[in-house]
Amino acid sequence: MGRYYSGDIEGKFWFGVQSSDDARHFGGIELEPNYITYSFEKSDLPTIQEGIKKCIDELGIYKTKIDAFFDNAKSYNDEKLAKAITKEDDKRLPNTNRLLEIYARLELGQKILKCVQEQEYCTFDAEL
């Protein structure tokens, strides 16, 4: 069962990776009980951009590798992703669940940013 968000931007939260309140990392105001309604305005741009920067910083060297992985993958699991983003001689595997959580959050933040830049506001409902 998936949880969606809809309004000025639309999408589906990543199953088992991303919580319905993930947009709180970019500021905004939560408005409703069964759904979280997020509202962003032009004045929120610095907070949105800071949230995106935090995601990129936390992903570090893995962002480019994860981008490349998803450009070519039709499906994934933790093992496939870990193998794709880890050097052959590196015995330590990254926490793929955490990386995916941040990667999904970054995708959401980029949608919010684009929406606010294009319309000067962005409102959407996130299913709980």
N, C-alpha and C. Protein backbone atom coordinates (compact mmCIF):
# COMPACT_ATOMS: atom_id res chain seq x y z
N MET A 1 0.85 -1.17 0.00
CA MET A 1 0.00 0.00 0.00
C MET A 1 0.89 1.23 0.00
N GLY A 2 0.66 2.13 -0.89
CA GLY A 2 1.47 3.33 -0.98
C GLY A 2 0.79 4.53 -0.37
N ARG A 3 1.59 5.49 -0.03
CA ARG A 3 1.10 6.77 0.46
C ARG A 3 1.52 7.82 -0.53
N TYR A 4 0.60 8.67 -0.88
CA TYR A 4 0.84 9.66 -1.93
C TYR A 4 0.82 11.06 -1.35
N TYR A 5 1.35 11.99 -2.14
CA TYR A 5 1.14 13.40 -1.86
C TYR A 5 0.63 14.02 -3.15
N SER A 6 -0.25 15.02 -2.98
CA SER A 6 -0.86 15.63 -4.16
C SER A 6 -1.19 17.08 -3.86
N GLY A 7 -1.34 17.84 -4.90
CA GLY A 7 -1.60 19.27 -4.81
C GLY A 7 -0.80 19.96 -5.90
N ASP A 8 -0.03 20.97 -5.54
CA ASP A 8 0.81 21.66 -6.52
C ASP A 8 1.94 20.76 -7.01
N ILE A 9 2.34 19.79 -6.20
CA ILE A 9 3.28 18.75 -6.63
C ILE A 9 2.64 17.42 -6.29
N GLU A 10 3.02 16.37 -7.01
CA GLU A 10 2.44 15.05 -6.79
C GLU A 10 3.53 14.01 -6.79
N GLY A 11 3.31 12.95 -6.07
CA GLY A 11 4.26 11.85 -6.06
C GLY A 11 3.85 10.82 -5.05
N LYS A 12 4.69 9.83 -4.89
CA LYS A 12 4.44 8.74 -3.96
C LYS A 12 5.64 8.64 -3.02
N PHE A 13 5.35 8.55 -1.73
CA PHE A 13 6.43 8.37 -0.77
C PHE A 13 7.04 6.99 -0.97
N TRP A 14 8.34 6.90 -0.80
CA TRP A 14 9.05 5.63 -0.98
C TRP A 14 8.61 4.67 0.12
N PHE A 15 8.12 3.52 -0.28
CA PHE A 15 7.62 2.51 0.65
C PHE A 15 8.74 2.00 1.55
N GLY A 16 8.48 2.02 2.85
CA GLY A 16 9.44 1.51 3.82
C GLY A 16 10.67 2.36 4.01
N VAL A 17 10.73 3.52 3.34
CA VAL A 17 11.92 4.36 3.40
C VAL A 17 11.57 5.77 3.88
N GLN A 18 10.46 6.30 3.39
CA GLN A 18 10.16 7.71 3.56
C GLN A 18 8.85 7.89 4.34
N SER A 19 8.88 8.72 5.38
CA SER A 19 7.68 8.97 6.17
C SER A 19 6.83 10.07 5.52
N SER A 20 5.56 10.09 5.89
CA SER A 20 4.62 11.08 5.34
C SER A 20 4.95 12.50 5.75
N ASP A 21 5.68 12.67 6.83
CA ASP A 21 6.02 14.02 7.28
C ASP A 21 7.41 14.46 6.82
N ASP A 22 7.92 13.84 5.77
CA ASP A 22 9.28 14.12 5.31
C ASP A 22 9.47 15.56 4.85
N ALA A 23 8.40 16.22 4.39
CA ALA A 23 8.52 17.60 3.91
C ALA A 23 8.85 18.58 5.04
N ARG A 24 8.70 18.16 6.29
CA ARG A 24 9.03 19.07 7.40
C ARG A 24 10.51 19.45 7.39
N HIS A 25 11.34 18.69 6.69
CA HIS A 25 12.77 19.00 6.61
C HIS A 25 13.04 20.24 5.76
N PHE A 26 12.02 20.74 5.09
CA PHE A 26 12.18 21.90 4.22
C PHE A 26 11.36 23.08 4.70
N GLY A 27 10.87 23.03 5.93
CA GLY A 27 10.06 24.11 6.47
C GLY A 27 8.60 23.84 6.17
N GLY A 28 7.82 24.85 5.89
CA GLY A 28 6.41 24.66 5.58
C GLY A 28 5.58 24.55 6.84
N ILE A 29 4.27 24.50 6.65
CA ILE A 29 3.33 24.47 7.75
C ILE A 29 2.44 23.24 7.59
N GLU A 30 2.32 22.41 8.63
CA GLU A 30 1.42 21.25 8.61
C GLU A 30 0.03 21.74 8.98
N LEU A 31 -0.99 21.41 8.14
CA LEU A 31 -2.30 22.01 8.34
C LEU A 31 -3.44 21.07 8.74
N GLU A 32 -3.45 19.78 8.41
CA GLU A 32 -4.61 18.93 8.64
C GLU A 32 -4.26 17.63 9.36
N PRO A 33 -5.25 17.00 10.06
CA PRO A 33 -4.96 15.80 10.84
C PRO A 33 -4.84 14.48 10.04
N ASN A 34 -5.74 14.14 9.10
CA ASN A 34 -5.65 12.87 8.37
C ASN A 34 -4.65 12.93 7.23
N TYR A 35 -4.43 14.08 6.78
CA TYR A 35 -3.40 14.37 5.80
C TYR A 35 -2.54 15.44 6.44
N ILE A 36 -1.32 15.50 6.02
CA ILE A 36 -0.51 16.67 6.38
C ILE A 36 -0.55 17.55 5.16
N THR A 37 -1.11 18.74 5.30
CA THR A 37 -1.11 19.69 4.20
C THR A 37 0.07 20.62 4.39
N TYR A 38 0.94 20.64 3.42
CA TYR A 38 2.11 21.51 3.47
C TYR A 38 1.87 22.72 2.59
N SER A 39 2.32 23.85 3.08
CA SER A 39 2.21 25.10 2.35
C SER A 39 3.56 25.81 2.39
N PHE A 40 4.07 26.12 1.23
CA PHE A 40 5.35 26.81 1.11
C PHE A 40 5.12 28.09 0.29
N GLU A 41 5.87 29.11 0.65
CA GLU A 41 5.81 30.38 -0.08
C GLU A 41 7.22 30.78 -0.48
N LYS A 42 7.29 31.83 -1.26
CA LYS A 42 8.58 32.34 -1.73
C LYS A 42 9.51 32.64 -0.56
N SER A 43 8.96 33.11 0.55
CA SER A 43 9.79 33.43 1.73
C SER A 43 10.42 32.18 2.34
N ASP A 44 9.92 30.99 1.99
CA ASP A 44 10.48 29.73 2.50
C ASP A 44 11.67 29.24 1.68
N LEU A 45 11.99 29.91 0.57
CA LEU A 45 13.07 29.44 -0.31
C LEU A 45 14.39 29.19 0.42
N PRO A 46 14.85 30.08 1.30
CA PRO A 46 16.11 29.79 2.00
C PRO A 46 16.07 28.50 2.82
N THR A 47 14.95 28.24 3.48
CA THR A 47 14.81 27.02 4.28
C THR A 47 14.77 25.79 3.39
N ILE A 48 14.06 25.87 2.28
CA ILE A 48 13.99 24.76 1.32
C ILE A 48 15.39 24.47 0.78
N GLN A 49 16.08 25.52 0.37
CA GLN A 49 17.43 25.35 -0.19
C GLN A 49 18.40 24.78 0.85
N GLU A 50 18.26 25.20 2.09
CA GLU A 50 19.12 24.67 3.16
C GLU A 50 18.83 23.18 3.38
N GLY A 51 17.54 22.80 3.33
CA GLY A 51 17.18 21.40 3.48
C GLY A 51 17.77 20.55 2.36
N ILE A 52 17.74 21.07 1.14
CA ILE A 52 18.32 20.37 -0.01
C ILE A 52 19.83 20.24 0.17
N LYS A 53 20.46 21.31 0.61
CA LYS A 53 21.92 21.27 0.83
C LYS A 53 22.29 20.23 1.88
N LYS A 54 21.51 20.15 2.96
CA LYS A 54 21.76 19.15 4.00
C LYS A 54 21.66 17.74 3.42
N CYS A 55 20.68 17.51 2.57
CA CYS A 55 20.52 16.18 1.95
C CYS A 55 21.74 15.86 1.09
N ILE A 56 22.15 16.81 0.25
CA ILE A 56 23.29 16.59 -0.63
C ILE A 56 24.56 16.35 0.18
N ASP A 57 24.74 17.14 1.24
CA ASP A 57 25.91 16.97 2.09
C ASP A 57 25.90 15.60 2.77
N GLU A 58 24.74 15.17 3.23
CA GLU A 58 24.67 13.87 3.92
C GLU A 58 24.90 12.71 2.95
N LEU A 59 24.42 12.85 1.72
CA LEU A 59 24.65 11.80 0.73
C LEU A 59 26.12 11.74 0.31
N GLY A 60 26.77 12.91 0.33
CA GLY A 60 28.20 12.97 0.01
C GLY A 60 28.53 12.31 -1.31
N ILE A 61 29.55 11.47 -1.30
CA ILE A 61 30.03 10.81 -2.52
C ILE A 61 29.02 9.83 -3.09
N TYR A 62 28.04 9.45 -2.28
CA TYR A 62 27.07 8.46 -2.74
C TYR A 62 26.01 9.05 -3.67
N LYS A 63 25.80 10.36 -3.66
CA LYS A 63 24.73 10.94 -4.47
C LYS A 63 24.92 10.62 -5.95
N THR A 64 26.09 10.89 -6.49
CA THR A 64 26.36 10.63 -7.90
C THR A 64 26.21 9.15 -8.22
N LYS A 65 26.66 8.30 -7.32
CA LYS A 65 26.57 6.85 -7.53
C LYS A 65 25.12 6.38 -7.50
N ILE A 66 24.33 6.94 -6.58
CA ILE A 66 22.92 6.56 -6.50
C ILE A 66 22.18 7.08 -7.73
N ASP A 67 22.49 8.31 -8.15
CA ASP A 67 21.89 8.84 -9.39
C ASP A 67 22.14 7.88 -10.55
N ALA A 68 23.37 7.47 -10.73
CA ALA A 68 23.74 6.57 -11.83
C ALA A 68 23.03 5.23 -11.68
N PHE A 69 22.95 4.73 -10.46
CA PHE A 69 22.28 3.45 -10.23
C PHE A 69 20.83 3.52 -10.67
N PHE A 70 20.09 4.57 -10.24
CA PHE A 70 18.68 4.67 -10.57
C PHE A 70 18.43 5.07 -12.02
N ASP A 71 19.41 5.67 -12.68
CA ASP A 71 19.29 5.95 -14.11
C ASP A 71 19.21 4.66 -14.91
N ASN A 72 19.82 3.60 -14.40
CA ASN A 72 19.91 2.34 -15.13
C ASN A 72 19.09 1.20 -14.52
N ALA A 73 18.56 1.37 -13.32
CA ALA A 73 17.86 0.28 -12.63
C ALA A 73 16.36 0.36 -12.85
N LYS A 74 15.77 -0.78 -13.12
CA LYS A 74 14.31 -0.86 -13.21
C LYS A 74 13.72 -1.23 -11.85
N SER A 75 14.52 -1.90 -11.04
CA SER A 75 14.13 -2.24 -9.68
C SER A 75 15.41 -2.26 -8.84
N TYR A 76 15.23 -2.35 -7.54
CA TYR A 76 16.41 -2.37 -6.68
C TYR A 76 16.12 -3.14 -5.41
N ASN A 77 17.18 -3.53 -4.75
CA ASN A 77 17.13 -4.01 -3.38
C ASN A 77 18.40 -3.52 -2.72
N ASP A 78 18.48 -3.66 -1.41
CA ASP A 78 19.63 -3.13 -0.67
C ASP A 78 20.95 -3.71 -1.17
N GLU A 79 20.95 -5.00 -1.47
CA GLU A 79 22.18 -5.65 -1.91
C GLU A 79 22.66 -5.09 -3.26
N LYS A 80 21.75 -4.95 -4.21
CA LYS A 80 22.12 -4.40 -5.53
C LYS A 80 22.65 -2.97 -5.39
N LEU A 81 21.94 -2.18 -4.59
CA LEU A 81 22.35 -0.79 -4.41
C LEU A 81 23.71 -0.71 -3.72
N ALA A 82 23.90 -1.47 -2.65
CA ALA A 82 25.17 -1.45 -1.93
C ALA A 82 26.32 -1.84 -2.84
N LYS A 83 26.11 -2.85 -3.66
CA LYS A 83 27.16 -3.30 -4.59
C LYS A 83 27.48 -2.21 -5.62
N ALA A 84 26.46 -1.52 -6.08
CA ALA A 84 26.65 -0.49 -7.11
C ALA A 84 27.36 0.76 -6.59
N ILE A 85 27.21 1.04 -5.31
CA ILE A 85 27.77 2.31 -4.80
C ILE A 85 29.01 2.11 -3.93
N THR A 86 29.47 0.88 -3.80
CA THR A 86 30.62 0.59 -2.95
C THR A 86 31.79 0.11 -3.81
N LYS A 87 32.98 0.57 -3.48
CA LYS A 87 34.18 0.10 -4.18
C LYS A 87 34.36 -1.39 -3.92
N GLU A 88 34.90 -2.09 -4.90
CA GLU A 88 35.10 -3.53 -4.79
C GLU A 88 35.93 -3.94 -3.58
N ASP A 89 36.97 -3.15 -3.28
CA ASP A 89 37.87 -3.52 -2.19
C ASP A 89 37.40 -3.00 -0.83
N ASP A 90 36.28 -2.30 -0.77
CA ASP A 90 35.76 -1.75 0.48
C ASP A 90 34.90 -2.81 1.17
N LYS A 91 35.30 -3.23 2.32
CA LYS A 91 34.59 -4.27 3.07
C LYS A 91 33.40 -3.71 3.86
N ARG A 92 33.39 -2.40 4.08
CA ARG A 92 32.30 -1.78 4.83
C ARG A 92 31.19 -1.38 3.87
N LEU A 93 30.00 -1.87 4.09
CA LEU A 93 28.87 -1.50 3.25
C LEU A 93 28.16 -0.30 3.86
N PRO A 94 27.73 0.62 3.03
CA PRO A 94 27.02 1.79 3.56
C PRO A 94 25.63 1.40 4.06
N ASN A 95 25.06 2.23 4.89
CA ASN A 95 23.70 2.04 5.37
C ASN A 95 22.76 2.47 4.25
N THR A 96 22.39 1.53 3.39
CA THR A 96 21.59 1.86 2.21
C THR A 96 20.22 2.39 2.60
N ASN A 97 19.65 1.90 3.68
CA ASN A 97 18.33 2.38 4.09
C ASN A 97 18.38 3.88 4.41
N ARG A 98 19.41 4.28 5.13
CA ARG A 98 19.56 5.71 5.47
C ARG A 98 19.82 6.53 4.21
N LEU A 99 20.68 6.03 3.32
CA LEU A 99 20.96 6.75 2.08
C LEU A 99 19.69 6.92 1.24
N LEU A 100 18.88 5.88 1.17
CA LEU A 100 17.63 5.98 0.40
C LEU A 100 16.66 6.96 1.04
N GLU A 101 16.62 6.99 2.36
CA GLU A 101 15.76 7.94 3.05
C GLU A 101 16.15 9.37 2.68
N ILE A 102 17.43 9.67 2.71
CA ILE A 102 17.91 11.01 2.37
C ILE A 102 17.72 11.29 0.88
N TYR A 103 17.95 10.30 0.04
CA TYR A 103 17.79 10.45 -1.41
C TYR A 103 16.32 10.75 -1.75
N ALA A 104 15.40 10.03 -1.13
CA ALA A 104 13.96 10.28 -1.35
C ALA A 104 13.59 11.68 -0.85
N ARG A 105 14.14 12.07 0.30
CA ARG A 105 13.89 13.41 0.85
C ARG A 105 14.39 14.49 -0.11
N LEU A 106 15.57 14.27 -0.69
CA LEU A 106 16.14 15.22 -1.64
C LEU A 106 15.21 15.38 -2.84
N GLU A 107 14.69 14.27 -3.35
CA GLU A 107 13.77 14.32 -4.49
C GLU A 107 12.54 15.16 -4.15
N LEU A 108 11.97 14.96 -2.96
CA LEU A 108 10.82 15.74 -2.51
C LEU A 108 11.19 17.22 -2.40
N GLY A 109 12.32 17.52 -1.80
CA GLY A 109 12.75 18.91 -1.65
C GLY A 109 12.96 19.60 -2.99
N GLN A 110 13.49 18.88 -3.96
CA GLN A 110 13.70 19.47 -5.28
C GLN A 110 12.37 19.77 -5.96
N LYS A 111 11.36 18.91 -5.77
CA LYS A 111 10.03 19.18 -6.32
C LYS A 111 9.43 20.43 -5.67
N ILE A 112 9.57 20.53 -4.34
CA ILE A 112 9.05 21.70 -3.63
C ILE A 112 9.74 22.96 -4.13
N LEU A 113 11.07 22.93 -4.24
CA LEU A 113 11.84 24.08 -4.70
C LEU A 113 11.39 24.53 -6.09
N LYS A 114 11.30 23.60 -7.01
CA LYS A 114 10.90 23.92 -8.38
C LYS A 114 9.50 24.54 -8.41
N CYS A 115 8.59 23.97 -7.64
CA CYS A 115 7.22 24.48 -7.59
C CYS A 115 7.19 25.92 -7.07
N VAL A 116 7.90 26.18 -5.97
CA VAL A 116 7.91 27.53 -5.40
C VAL A 116 8.58 28.52 -6.36
N GLN A 117 9.65 28.09 -7.01
CA GLN A 117 10.33 28.97 -7.96
C GLN A 117 9.43 29.32 -9.15
N GLU A 118 8.62 28.36 -9.59
CA GLU A 118 7.77 28.59 -10.76
C GLU A 118 6.47 29.32 -10.43
N GLN A 119 5.89 29.09 -9.23
CA GLN A 119 4.58 29.65 -8.91
C GLN A 119 4.59 30.61 -7.73
N GLU A 120 5.72 30.68 -7.01
CA GLU A 120 5.87 31.47 -5.80
C GLU A 120 5.14 30.90 -4.60
N TYR A 121 4.56 29.71 -4.74
CA TYR A 121 3.94 28.99 -3.64
C TYR A 121 3.86 27.51 -4.01
N CYS A 122 3.65 26.67 -3.01
CA CYS A 122 3.49 25.24 -3.26
C CYS A 122 2.69 24.67 -2.09
N THR A 123 1.59 24.02 -2.40
CA THR A 123 0.77 23.40 -1.39
C THR A 123 0.47 21.98 -1.83
N PHE A 124 0.58 21.03 -0.89
CA PHE A 124 0.22 19.65 -1.22
C PHE A 124 -0.17 18.90 0.03
N ASP A 125 -0.95 17.84 -0.17
CA ASP A 125 -1.41 16.98 0.92
C ASP A 125 -0.57 15.70 0.94
N ALA A 126 -0.15 15.29 2.10
CA ALA A 126 0.59 14.05 2.26
C ALA A 126 -0.27 13.08 3.08
N GLU A 127 -0.54 11.90 2.53
CA GLU A 127 -1.32 10.90 3.25
C GLU A 127 -0.55 10.42 4.48
N LEU A 128 -1.27 10.20 5.55
CA LEU A 128 -0.67 9.63 6.76
C LEU A 128 -0.86 8.14 6.79
